[in-house]
Amino acid sequence: MDAIPLGAYDDQFSSTMVRRELNKAFAALYCPSAPEHKSAIATGNWGCGAFGGDKRLKALIQIMAASVCQRNVIYFTFDDSSFSEELLEIHKMLTERKKTVGDVWNIIKEYNESRKRDATLFDFIRKGAS
């Protein structure tokens, strides 16, 4: 999947950019020819190094696309154990609360509209994903 450099950090949270990333991830993960035997995807913090993407947002986008494509995810955090734990916690929280991909989309939109960058996306989810 490609990554594009960000103009401003907050731009990546806009609906336009999130939709672009979701469509791109969906296209990469969709596998119509093997509906019953879909392999898991191995992925990581794409677009987060030189391109400056937010790893929490990028992880959620990949998980959202994988969910729609009915694919399991093996997510590599590159020895970032605190992010690994945080991602597992958020995934568990969203799963236990039966949040859909549409619900997560709306949470990301609310985060973008709140413009409160003193909290990470995951902090925002913890406080409001009831």
N, C-alpha and C. Protein backbone atom coordinates (compact mmCIF):
# COMPACT_ATOMS: atom_id res chain seq x y z
N MET A 1 0.85 -1.18 0.00
CA MET A 1 0.00 0.00 0.00
C MET A 1 0.89 1.23 0.00
N ASP A 2 0.43 2.24 -0.66
CA ASP A 2 1.22 3.46 -0.71
C ASP A 2 0.97 4.31 0.53
N ALA A 3 1.82 5.25 0.73
CA ALA A 3 1.64 6.23 1.81
C ALA A 3 1.94 7.59 1.21
N ILE A 4 1.24 8.60 1.69
CA ILE A 4 1.51 9.94 1.19
C ILE A 4 1.98 10.82 2.34
N PRO A 5 2.89 11.73 2.04
CA PRO A 5 3.35 12.64 3.10
C PRO A 5 2.20 13.54 3.55
N LEU A 6 2.15 13.83 4.82
CA LEU A 6 1.09 14.68 5.36
C LEU A 6 1.49 16.13 5.28
N GLY A 7 0.54 16.99 4.95
CA GLY A 7 0.79 18.43 5.02
C GLY A 7 0.89 18.84 6.48
N ALA A 8 -0.20 18.63 7.18
CA ALA A 8 -0.26 18.89 8.63
C ALA A 8 -0.72 17.60 9.30
N TYR A 9 -0.22 17.37 10.49
CA TYR A 9 -0.51 16.14 11.22
C TYR A 9 -2.01 15.87 11.31
N ASP A 10 -2.80 16.88 11.61
CA ASP A 10 -4.24 16.70 11.80
C ASP A 10 -4.97 16.32 10.52
N ASP A 11 -4.38 16.59 9.36
CA ASP A 11 -5.05 16.30 8.09
C ASP A 11 -5.44 14.83 7.96
N GLN A 12 -4.64 13.94 8.52
CA GLN A 12 -4.90 12.51 8.36
C GLN A 12 -6.20 12.05 9.02
N PHE A 13 -6.74 12.85 9.93
CA PHE A 13 -7.97 12.48 10.63
C PHE A 13 -9.22 12.96 9.89
N SER A 14 -9.06 13.71 8.81
CA SER A 14 -10.21 14.20 8.06
C SER A 14 -10.94 13.02 7.42
N SER A 15 -12.23 13.19 7.21
CA SER A 15 -13.02 12.12 6.59
C SER A 15 -12.46 11.75 5.22
N THR A 16 -12.01 12.74 4.48
CA THR A 16 -11.46 12.48 3.14
C THR A 16 -10.24 11.57 3.21
N MET A 17 -9.33 11.88 4.12
CA MET A 17 -8.11 11.07 4.23
C MET A 17 -8.39 9.69 4.82
N VAL A 18 -9.26 9.62 5.81
CA VAL A 18 -9.59 8.31 6.40
C VAL A 18 -10.27 7.44 5.36
N ARG A 19 -11.18 8.02 4.59
CA ARG A 19 -11.86 7.26 3.53
C ARG A 19 -10.84 6.76 2.51
N ARG A 20 -9.90 7.61 2.13
CA ARG A 20 -8.86 7.21 1.18
C ARG A 20 -8.09 6.00 1.72
N GLU A 21 -7.69 6.08 2.98
CA GLU A 21 -6.92 5.00 3.58
C GLU A 21 -7.74 3.72 3.73
N LEU A 22 -9.01 3.87 4.09
CA LEU A 22 -9.89 2.69 4.20
C LEU A 22 -10.08 2.02 2.84
N ASN A 23 -10.32 2.82 1.81
CA ASN A 23 -10.50 2.26 0.47
C ASN A 23 -9.24 1.54 0.00
N LYS A 24 -8.10 2.14 0.27
CA LYS A 24 -6.82 1.56 -0.12
C LYS A 24 -6.60 0.24 0.63
N ALA A 25 -6.85 0.23 1.92
CA ALA A 25 -6.68 -0.99 2.71
C ALA A 25 -7.67 -2.06 2.27
N PHE A 26 -8.90 -1.67 2.00
CA PHE A 26 -9.90 -2.64 1.53
C PHE A 26 -9.45 -3.27 0.22
N ALA A 27 -8.98 -2.44 -0.71
CA ALA A 27 -8.54 -2.97 -2.01
C ALA A 27 -7.38 -3.95 -1.84
N ALA A 28 -6.51 -3.68 -0.89
CA ALA A 28 -5.36 -4.57 -0.66
C ALA A 28 -5.77 -5.88 0.01
N LEU A 29 -6.82 -5.85 0.81
CA LEU A 29 -7.18 -7.02 1.62
C LEU A 29 -8.32 -7.86 1.05
N TYR A 30 -9.10 -7.28 0.16
CA TYR A 30 -10.27 -7.98 -0.38
C TYR A 30 -9.83 -9.19 -1.19
N CYS A 31 -10.47 -10.31 -0.94
CA CYS A 31 -10.08 -11.56 -1.60
C CYS A 31 -11.34 -12.34 -1.98
N PRO A 32 -11.98 -11.98 -3.10
CA PRO A 32 -13.24 -12.63 -3.47
C PRO A 32 -13.07 -14.07 -3.93
N SER A 33 -11.88 -14.45 -4.38
CA SER A 33 -11.71 -15.79 -4.95
C SER A 33 -11.57 -16.89 -3.90
N ALA A 34 -11.35 -16.52 -2.65
CA ALA A 34 -11.20 -17.53 -1.59
C ALA A 34 -12.06 -17.16 -0.39
N PRO A 35 -13.38 -17.17 -0.57
CA PRO A 35 -14.25 -16.70 0.51
C PRO A 35 -14.20 -17.51 1.80
N GLU A 36 -13.83 -18.79 1.72
CA GLU A 36 -13.84 -19.63 2.91
C GLU A 36 -12.46 -19.82 3.53
N HIS A 37 -11.42 -19.54 2.80
CA HIS A 37 -10.06 -19.82 3.27
C HIS A 37 -9.18 -18.58 3.16
N LYS A 38 -9.57 -17.55 3.83
CA LYS A 38 -8.81 -16.30 3.77
C LYS A 38 -7.69 -16.34 4.80
N SER A 39 -6.51 -16.08 4.34
CA SER A 39 -5.38 -16.07 5.27
C SER A 39 -5.38 -14.77 6.08
N ALA A 40 -4.74 -14.83 7.21
CA ALA A 40 -4.57 -13.62 8.02
C ALA A 40 -3.63 -12.68 7.29
N ILE A 41 -3.72 -11.40 7.61
CA ILE A 41 -2.80 -10.44 7.04
C ILE A 41 -1.76 -10.07 8.09
N ALA A 42 -0.53 -9.96 7.66
CA ALA A 42 0.55 -9.51 8.54
C ALA A 42 0.86 -8.08 8.15
N THR A 43 0.78 -7.19 9.10
CA THR A 43 0.93 -5.77 8.81
C THR A 43 1.56 -5.06 9.99
N GLY A 44 1.67 -3.76 9.88
CA GLY A 44 2.27 -2.97 10.96
C GLY A 44 1.96 -1.50 10.77
N ASN A 45 2.86 -0.68 11.22
CA ASN A 45 2.62 0.77 11.27
C ASN A 45 2.87 1.45 9.92
N TRP A 46 2.15 1.01 8.88
CA TRP A 46 2.39 1.61 7.56
C TRP A 46 2.02 3.09 7.54
N GLY A 47 2.90 3.84 6.90
CA GLY A 47 2.68 5.28 6.78
C GLY A 47 3.03 6.06 8.03
N CYS A 48 3.65 5.42 9.00
CA CYS A 48 3.91 6.08 10.28
C CYS A 48 5.36 6.49 10.48
N GLY A 49 6.25 6.04 9.65
CA GLY A 49 7.66 6.40 9.81
C GLY A 49 7.94 7.73 9.15
N ALA A 50 8.55 7.68 7.99
CA ALA A 50 8.93 8.88 7.25
C ALA A 50 7.72 9.73 6.86
N PHE A 51 6.55 9.10 6.75
CA PHE A 51 5.36 9.83 6.32
C PHE A 51 4.60 10.48 7.47
N GLY A 52 4.96 10.18 8.70
CA GLY A 52 4.41 10.88 9.86
C GLY A 52 3.00 10.53 10.26
N GLY A 53 2.51 9.37 9.84
CA GLY A 53 1.15 8.98 10.19
C GLY A 53 1.00 8.62 11.66
N ASP A 54 -0.21 8.72 12.16
CA ASP A 54 -0.54 8.37 13.54
C ASP A 54 -0.75 6.86 13.60
N LYS A 55 0.08 6.17 14.38
CA LYS A 55 0.01 4.70 14.41
C LYS A 55 -1.31 4.19 14.94
N ARG A 56 -1.95 4.91 15.83
CA ARG A 56 -3.25 4.46 16.35
C ARG A 56 -4.31 4.52 15.26
N LEU A 57 -4.34 5.61 14.53
CA LEU A 57 -5.29 5.75 13.43
C LEU A 57 -5.02 4.71 12.36
N LYS A 58 -3.77 4.56 11.96
CA LYS A 58 -3.43 3.62 10.89
C LYS A 58 -3.75 2.18 11.29
N ALA A 59 -3.53 1.84 12.55
CA ALA A 59 -3.87 0.49 13.02
C ALA A 59 -5.38 0.26 12.95
N LEU A 60 -6.16 1.24 13.42
CA LEU A 60 -7.61 1.09 13.37
C LEU A 60 -8.11 0.97 11.94
N ILE A 61 -7.56 1.76 11.04
CA ILE A 61 -7.96 1.70 9.64
C ILE A 61 -7.72 0.30 9.07
N GLN A 62 -6.56 -0.25 9.35
CA GLN A 62 -6.25 -1.59 8.84
C GLN A 62 -7.17 -2.64 9.46
N ILE A 63 -7.45 -2.51 10.73
CA ILE A 63 -8.34 -3.46 11.40
C ILE A 63 -9.77 -3.33 10.87
N MET A 64 -10.20 -2.10 10.61
CA MET A 64 -11.53 -1.88 10.04
C MET A 64 -11.65 -2.56 8.68
N ALA A 65 -10.67 -2.34 7.81
CA ALA A 65 -10.70 -2.93 6.47
C ALA A 65 -10.64 -4.46 6.57
N ALA A 66 -9.80 -4.97 7.45
CA ALA A 66 -9.69 -6.42 7.62
C ALA A 66 -11.02 -7.00 8.10
N SER A 67 -11.69 -6.30 8.97
CA SER A 67 -12.97 -6.76 9.47
C SER A 67 -13.99 -6.88 8.34
N VAL A 68 -14.07 -5.85 7.51
CA VAL A 68 -15.00 -5.88 6.38
C VAL A 68 -14.65 -7.02 5.43
N CYS A 69 -13.38 -7.28 5.26
CA CYS A 69 -12.91 -8.34 4.36
C CYS A 69 -12.88 -9.71 5.03
N GLN A 70 -13.30 -9.76 6.29
CA GLN A 70 -13.32 -11.00 7.08
C GLN A 70 -11.93 -11.67 7.12
N ARG A 71 -10.94 -10.84 7.44
CA ARG A 71 -9.56 -11.33 7.54
C ARG A 71 -9.06 -11.08 8.95
N ASN A 72 -8.32 -12.02 9.50
CA ASN A 72 -7.65 -11.82 10.78
C ASN A 72 -6.41 -10.97 10.54
N VAL A 73 -5.96 -10.31 11.60
CA VAL A 73 -4.81 -9.41 11.50
C VAL A 73 -3.71 -9.88 12.45
N ILE A 74 -2.50 -9.95 11.94
CA ILE A 74 -1.30 -10.13 12.75
C ILE A 74 -0.59 -8.79 12.66
N TYR A 75 -0.62 -8.03 13.75
CA TYR A 75 -0.11 -6.66 13.72
C TYR A 75 1.25 -6.59 14.41
N PHE A 76 2.24 -6.16 13.66
CA PHE A 76 3.59 -6.03 14.20
C PHE A 76 3.82 -4.60 14.66
N THR A 77 4.16 -4.45 15.93
CA THR A 77 4.39 -3.12 16.49
C THR A 77 5.88 -2.79 16.58
N PHE A 78 6.72 -3.66 16.06
CA PHE A 78 8.16 -3.42 15.99
C PHE A 78 8.76 -3.11 17.35
N ASP A 79 8.54 -4.04 18.28
CA ASP A 79 9.09 -3.97 19.64
C ASP A 79 8.57 -2.81 20.47
N ASP A 80 7.45 -2.24 20.07
CA ASP A 80 6.82 -1.19 20.87
C ASP A 80 5.78 -1.86 21.75
N SER A 81 6.23 -2.40 22.89
CA SER A 81 5.34 -3.20 23.74
C SER A 81 4.20 -2.38 24.31
N SER A 82 4.42 -1.11 24.60
CA SER A 82 3.33 -0.30 25.16
C SER A 82 2.24 -0.09 24.10
N PHE A 83 2.63 0.12 22.84
CA PHE A 83 1.62 0.26 21.79
C PHE A 83 0.91 -1.07 21.55
N SER A 84 1.64 -2.16 21.62
CA SER A 84 1.04 -3.48 21.46
C SER A 84 -0.05 -3.70 22.51
N GLU A 85 0.26 -3.39 23.75
CA GLU A 85 -0.72 -3.54 24.83
C GLU A 85 -1.91 -2.61 24.64
N GLU A 86 -1.63 -1.38 24.24
CA GLU A 86 -2.68 -0.38 24.03
C GLU A 86 -3.61 -0.81 22.89
N LEU A 87 -3.04 -1.31 21.81
CA LEU A 87 -3.84 -1.75 20.67
C LEU A 87 -4.72 -2.94 21.06
N LEU A 88 -4.17 -3.89 21.80
CA LEU A 88 -4.96 -5.02 22.27
C LEU A 88 -6.11 -4.56 23.17
N GLU A 89 -5.81 -3.61 24.05
CA GLU A 89 -6.83 -3.08 24.95
C GLU A 89 -7.97 -2.43 24.17
N ILE A 90 -7.63 -1.59 23.19
CA ILE A 90 -8.66 -0.90 22.42
C ILE A 90 -9.46 -1.89 21.58
N HIS A 91 -8.78 -2.85 20.98
CA HIS A 91 -9.48 -3.87 20.20
C HIS A 91 -10.46 -4.64 21.08
N LYS A 92 -10.01 -5.03 22.24
CA LYS A 92 -10.87 -5.76 23.17
C LYS A 92 -12.07 -4.90 23.59
N MET A 93 -11.82 -3.64 23.90
CA MET A 93 -12.89 -2.73 24.31
C MET A 93 -13.93 -2.59 23.20
N LEU A 94 -13.48 -2.34 21.98
CA LEU A 94 -14.40 -2.15 20.87
C LEU A 94 -15.17 -3.44 20.58
N THR A 95 -14.49 -4.57 20.67
CA THR A 95 -15.14 -5.87 20.42
C THR A 95 -16.17 -6.18 21.50
N GLU A 96 -15.80 -5.99 22.76
CA GLU A 96 -16.74 -6.27 23.85
C GLU A 96 -17.96 -5.36 23.80
N ARG A 97 -17.77 -4.15 23.33
CA ARG A 97 -18.89 -3.20 23.23
C ARG A 97 -19.62 -3.33 21.89
N LYS A 98 -19.23 -4.35 21.12
CA LYS A 98 -19.87 -4.68 19.85
C LYS A 98 -19.90 -3.50 18.88
N LYS A 99 -18.79 -2.76 18.85
CA LYS A 99 -18.68 -1.64 17.93
C LYS A 99 -18.47 -2.16 16.51
N THR A 100 -19.20 -1.60 15.58
CA THR A 100 -19.08 -1.97 14.18
C THR A 100 -18.03 -1.09 13.51
N VAL A 101 -17.70 -1.42 12.27
CA VAL A 101 -16.79 -0.58 11.50
C VAL A 101 -17.39 0.82 11.36
N GLY A 102 -18.70 0.88 11.15
CA GLY A 102 -19.38 2.18 11.06
C GLY A 102 -19.28 2.97 12.36
N ASP A 103 -19.38 2.28 13.48
CA ASP A 103 -19.23 2.95 14.78
C ASP A 103 -17.83 3.53 14.93
N VAL A 104 -16.82 2.76 14.54
CA VAL A 104 -15.44 3.22 14.66
C VAL A 104 -15.21 4.39 13.71
N TRP A 105 -15.78 4.34 12.52
CA TRP A 105 -15.72 5.46 11.58
C TRP A 105 -16.26 6.73 12.25
N ASN A 106 -17.40 6.59 12.90
CA ASN A 106 -18.00 7.76 13.56
C ASN A 106 -17.14 8.26 14.72
N ILE A 107 -16.52 7.36 15.43
CA ILE A 107 -15.62 7.77 16.53
C ILE A 107 -14.45 8.57 15.97
N ILE A 108 -13.89 8.10 14.87
CA ILE A 108 -12.77 8.82 14.26
C ILE A 108 -13.24 10.20 13.78
N LYS A 109 -14.43 10.27 13.19
CA LYS A 109 -14.98 11.57 12.77
C LYS A 109 -15.16 12.50 13.96
N GLU A 110 -15.69 11.97 15.06
CA GLU A 110 -15.88 12.79 16.26
C GLU A 110 -14.54 13.28 16.80
N TYR A 111 -13.55 12.42 16.77
CA TYR A 111 -12.21 12.80 17.23
C TYR A 111 -11.68 13.93 16.36
N ASN A 112 -11.84 13.81 15.05
CA ASN A 112 -11.37 14.85 14.14
C ASN A 112 -12.10 16.16 14.41
N GLU A 113 -13.40 16.08 14.59
CA GLU A 113 -14.20 17.29 14.81
C GLU A 113 -13.94 17.92 16.16
N SER A 114 -13.51 17.13 17.14
CA SER A 114 -13.25 17.68 18.47
C SER A 114 -12.01 18.54 18.51
N ARG A 115 -11.07 18.25 17.61
CA ARG A 115 -9.82 19.01 17.53
C ARG A 115 -9.06 19.06 18.85
N LYS A 116 -9.29 18.09 19.68
CA LYS A 116 -8.58 18.01 20.96
C LYS A 116 -7.41 17.06 20.80
N ARG A 117 -6.27 17.60 20.50
CA ARG A 117 -5.11 16.75 20.28
C ARG A 117 -4.26 16.60 21.54
N ASP A 118 -4.81 17.03 22.67
CA ASP A 118 -4.12 16.77 23.93
C ASP A 118 -4.33 15.32 24.35
N ALA A 119 -5.24 14.64 23.66
CA ALA A 119 -5.51 13.23 23.92
C ALA A 119 -5.28 12.47 22.62
N THR A 120 -4.75 11.26 22.72
CA THR A 120 -4.59 10.44 21.53
C THR A 120 -5.96 9.91 21.11
N LEU A 121 -6.01 9.35 19.91
CA LEU A 121 -7.25 8.74 19.44
C LEU A 121 -7.70 7.65 20.39
N PHE A 122 -6.78 6.84 20.90
CA PHE A 122 -7.16 5.77 21.83
C PHE A 122 -7.67 6.35 23.15
N ASP A 123 -7.08 7.44 23.63
CA ASP A 123 -7.60 8.10 24.85
C ASP A 123 -9.03 8.57 24.61
N PHE A 124 -9.27 9.13 23.44
CA PHE A 124 -10.60 9.61 23.06
C PHE A 124 -11.60 8.44 23.07
N ILE A 125 -11.18 7.31 22.52
CA ILE A 125 -12.04 6.12 22.48
C ILE A 125 -12.32 5.64 23.90
N ARG A 126 -11.30 5.59 24.73
CA ARG A 126 -11.50 5.14 26.12
C ARG A 126 -12.54 5.99 26.84
N LYS A 127 -12.51 7.28 26.60
CA LYS A 127 -13.41 8.20 27.31
C LYS A 127 -14.82 8.18 26.77
N GLY A 128 -14.98 7.86 25.46
CA GLY A 128 -16.30 8.03 24.88
C GLY A 128 -16.92 6.83 24.19
N ALA A 129 -16.23 5.75 24.06
CA ALA A 129 -16.78 4.60 23.32
C ALA A 129 -17.60 3.72 24.24
N SER A 130 -18.74 4.21 24.62
CA SER A 130 -19.59 3.43 25.53
C SER A 130 -20.57 2.57 24.79
